[in-house]
Amino acid sequence: MREKLLETAKQILKVNSIDLYKNRHDISEWDSLAHIQLVASIEEEFNLSIPFEEVANINCLADFLKYLEE
């Protein structure tokens, strides 16, 4: 599951590697548009729904794990 999450993020952000715990504000490719694309792609890829009001609270890839583990 983590590997699939990392691969999805690398595709969306167009990077070769990414750290699960690195803050999105420290990743130049992770802008507001990429944030929405990443959320939408992960929701589709893993067949889940992240509440709209929680989307802004996602600051690193590890934050997606709580939704994936539910």
N, C-alpha and C. Protein backbone atom coordinates (compact mmCIF):
# COMPACT_ATOMS: atom_id res chain seq x y z
N MET A 1 0.82 -1.19 0.00
CA MET A 1 0.00 0.00 0.00
C MET A 1 0.87 1.27 0.00
N ARG A 2 1.91 1.29 0.83
CA ARG A 2 2.79 2.46 0.88
C ARG A 2 3.53 2.65 -0.43
N GLU A 3 3.97 1.55 -1.02
CA GLU A 3 4.68 1.65 -2.30
C GLU A 3 3.77 2.20 -3.39
N LYS A 4 2.54 1.75 -3.40
CA LYS A 4 1.57 2.23 -4.39
C LYS A 4 1.30 3.72 -4.18
N LEU A 5 1.22 4.15 -2.92
CA LEU A 5 1.03 5.55 -2.58
C LEU A 5 2.21 6.37 -3.08
N LEU A 6 3.42 5.90 -2.83
CA LEU A 6 4.62 6.60 -3.27
C LEU A 6 4.68 6.68 -4.79
N GLU A 7 4.34 5.61 -5.48
CA GLU A 7 4.36 5.61 -6.95
C GLU A 7 3.34 6.59 -7.52
N THR A 8 2.17 6.63 -6.93
CA THR A 8 1.14 7.57 -7.38
C THR A 8 1.64 9.00 -7.19
N ALA A 9 2.22 9.29 -6.04
CA ALA A 9 2.73 10.63 -5.75
C ALA A 9 3.85 11.01 -6.72
N LYS A 10 4.74 10.08 -7.00
CA LYS A 10 5.85 10.37 -7.94
C LYS A 10 5.31 10.69 -9.33
N GLN A 11 4.27 10.00 -9.75
CA GLN A 11 3.67 10.27 -11.06
C GLN A 11 3.02 11.65 -11.10
N ILE A 12 2.24 11.97 -10.09
CA ILE A 12 1.53 13.25 -10.05
C ILE A 12 2.51 14.41 -9.92
N LEU A 13 3.49 14.27 -9.04
CA LEU A 13 4.43 15.36 -8.79
C LEU A 13 5.59 15.39 -9.78
N LYS A 14 5.68 14.34 -10.60
CA LYS A 14 6.74 14.24 -11.62
C LYS A 14 8.13 14.35 -10.99
N VAL A 15 8.35 13.50 -9.97
CA VAL A 15 9.64 13.41 -9.31
C VAL A 15 10.11 11.95 -9.34
N ASN A 16 11.40 11.76 -9.17
CA ASN A 16 11.97 10.41 -9.19
C ASN A 16 11.89 9.71 -7.84
N SER A 17 11.90 10.49 -6.78
CA SER A 17 11.78 9.91 -5.45
C SER A 17 11.07 10.90 -4.54
N ILE A 18 10.47 10.37 -3.49
CA ILE A 18 9.75 11.21 -2.54
C ILE A 18 9.74 10.51 -1.19
N ASP A 19 9.82 11.30 -0.15
CA ASP A 19 9.81 10.80 1.22
C ASP A 19 8.38 10.84 1.74
N LEU A 20 7.98 9.77 2.37
CA LEU A 20 6.63 9.64 2.90
C LEU A 20 6.32 10.72 3.94
N TYR A 21 7.34 11.21 4.64
CA TYR A 21 7.13 12.14 5.75
C TYR A 21 7.59 13.57 5.47
N LYS A 22 8.09 13.84 4.26
CA LYS A 22 8.55 15.19 3.95
C LYS A 22 7.34 16.12 3.77
N ASN A 23 7.39 17.28 4.38
CA ASN A 23 6.29 18.24 4.33
C ASN A 23 6.08 18.75 2.91
N ARG A 24 4.83 18.87 2.52
CA ARG A 24 4.52 19.31 1.15
C ARG A 24 5.05 20.71 0.86
N HIS A 25 5.20 21.53 1.88
CA HIS A 25 5.71 22.89 1.68
C HIS A 25 7.20 22.89 1.36
N ASP A 26 7.85 21.76 1.59
CA ASP A 26 9.27 21.62 1.28
C ASP A 26 9.51 20.95 -0.07
N ILE A 27 8.44 20.63 -0.78
CA ILE A 27 8.52 19.97 -2.09
C ILE A 27 7.98 20.96 -3.12
N SER A 28 8.87 21.55 -3.90
CA SER A 28 8.46 22.62 -4.83
C SER A 28 7.41 22.16 -5.84
N GLU A 29 7.43 20.90 -6.21
CA GLU A 29 6.47 20.38 -7.18
C GLU A 29 5.06 20.23 -6.60
N TRP A 30 4.97 20.22 -5.28
CA TRP A 30 3.69 19.99 -4.60
C TRP A 30 3.01 21.34 -4.34
N ASP A 31 2.47 21.93 -5.40
CA ASP A 31 1.75 23.19 -5.27
C ASP A 31 0.26 22.91 -5.06
N SER A 32 -0.56 23.95 -5.06
CA SER A 32 -1.98 23.77 -4.76
C SER A 32 -2.69 22.91 -5.81
N LEU A 33 -2.34 23.08 -7.07
CA LEU A 33 -2.95 22.25 -8.11
C LEU A 33 -2.53 20.79 -7.97
N ALA A 34 -1.25 20.58 -7.72
CA ALA A 34 -0.75 19.21 -7.53
C ALA A 34 -1.40 18.57 -6.30
N HIS A 35 -1.69 19.37 -5.30
CA HIS A 35 -2.33 18.86 -4.08
C HIS A 35 -3.70 18.28 -4.42
N ILE A 36 -4.48 19.02 -5.17
CA ILE A 36 -5.82 18.55 -5.56
C ILE A 36 -5.71 17.33 -6.47
N GLN A 37 -4.78 17.35 -7.41
CA GLN A 37 -4.58 16.20 -8.29
C GLN A 37 -4.17 14.96 -7.49
N LEU A 38 -3.30 15.17 -6.53
CA LEU A 38 -2.83 14.06 -5.71
C LEU A 38 -3.97 13.46 -4.88
N VAL A 39 -4.76 14.31 -4.26
CA VAL A 39 -5.90 13.83 -3.48
C VAL A 39 -6.86 13.06 -4.38
N ALA A 40 -7.20 13.63 -5.53
CA ALA A 40 -8.15 12.97 -6.45
C ALA A 40 -7.60 11.64 -6.94
N SER A 41 -6.33 11.59 -7.28
CA SER A 41 -5.72 10.36 -7.78
C SER A 41 -5.69 9.27 -6.71
N ILE A 42 -5.37 9.66 -5.50
CA ILE A 42 -5.31 8.68 -4.41
C ILE A 42 -6.71 8.18 -4.06
N GLU A 43 -7.68 9.08 -4.08
CA GLU A 43 -9.06 8.65 -3.85
C GLU A 43 -9.49 7.63 -4.90
N GLU A 44 -9.17 7.91 -6.15
CA GLU A 44 -9.55 7.00 -7.24
C GLU A 44 -8.76 5.69 -7.17
N GLU A 45 -7.46 5.79 -6.99
CA GLU A 45 -6.58 4.62 -6.98
C GLU A 45 -6.93 3.64 -5.86
N PHE A 46 -7.28 4.18 -4.70
CA PHE A 46 -7.55 3.34 -3.54
C PHE A 46 -9.03 3.22 -3.21
N ASN A 47 -9.88 3.78 -4.07
CA ASN A 47 -11.33 3.69 -3.89
C ASN A 47 -11.77 4.16 -2.50
N LEU A 48 -11.40 5.40 -2.19
CA LEU A 48 -11.78 5.98 -0.90
C LEU A 48 -12.19 7.43 -1.09
N SER A 49 -12.74 8.00 -0.05
CA SER A 49 -13.17 9.39 -0.11
C SER A 49 -12.61 10.13 1.10
N ILE A 50 -11.90 11.21 0.82
CA ILE A 50 -11.35 12.05 1.88
C ILE A 50 -12.29 13.23 2.05
N PRO A 51 -12.78 13.45 3.26
CA PRO A 51 -13.70 14.57 3.48
C PRO A 51 -13.08 15.90 3.04
N PHE A 52 -13.84 16.69 2.33
CA PHE A 52 -13.36 17.95 1.78
C PHE A 52 -12.70 18.83 2.83
N GLU A 53 -13.31 18.90 4.01
CA GLU A 53 -12.78 19.77 5.06
C GLU A 53 -11.45 19.29 5.62
N GLU A 54 -11.05 18.06 5.29
CA GLU A 54 -9.77 17.52 5.77
C GLU A 54 -8.66 17.60 4.74
N VAL A 55 -8.98 17.94 3.51
CA VAL A 55 -8.00 17.98 2.43
C VAL A 55 -6.87 18.96 2.73
N ALA A 56 -7.19 20.10 3.29
CA ALA A 56 -6.17 21.10 3.59
C ALA A 56 -5.24 20.66 4.72
N ASN A 57 -5.64 19.68 5.50
CA ASN A 57 -4.82 19.19 6.61
C ASN A 57 -3.79 18.15 6.19
N ILE A 58 -3.80 17.77 4.93
CA ILE A 58 -2.82 16.80 4.42
C ILE A 58 -1.55 17.56 4.10
N ASN A 59 -0.51 17.28 4.86
CA ASN A 59 0.75 18.00 4.70
C ASN A 59 1.92 17.13 4.27
N CYS A 60 1.72 15.83 4.26
CA CYS A 60 2.74 14.91 3.78
C CYS A 60 2.03 13.64 3.32
N LEU A 61 2.74 12.80 2.61
CA LEU A 61 2.11 11.58 2.10
C LEU A 61 1.64 10.67 3.23
N ALA A 62 2.35 10.68 4.34
CA ALA A 62 1.97 9.84 5.47
C ALA A 62 0.57 10.20 5.99
N ASP A 63 0.15 11.43 5.78
CA ASP A 63 -1.19 11.83 6.22
C ASP A 63 -2.28 11.06 5.48
N PHE A 64 -1.98 10.54 4.31
CA PHE A 64 -2.97 9.75 3.56
C PHE A 64 -3.16 8.37 4.19
N LEU A 65 -2.18 7.91 4.96
CA LEU A 65 -2.23 6.55 5.50
C LEU A 65 -3.43 6.32 6.39
N LYS A 66 -3.85 7.34 7.15
CA LYS A 66 -5.01 7.11 8.03
C LYS A 66 -6.27 6.81 7.23
N TYR A 67 -6.37 7.37 6.03
CA TYR A 67 -7.53 7.09 5.17
C TYR A 67 -7.39 5.72 4.51
N LEU A 68 -6.17 5.35 4.19
CA LEU A 68 -5.93 4.07 3.54
C LEU A 68 -6.12 2.91 4.50
N GLU A 69 -5.86 3.14 5.77
CA GLU A 69 -5.93 2.07 6.76
C GLU A 69 -7.33 1.91 7.36
N GLU A 70 -8.25 2.81 7.02
CA GLU A 70 -9.63 2.69 7.54
C GLU A 70 -10.39 1.60 6.84
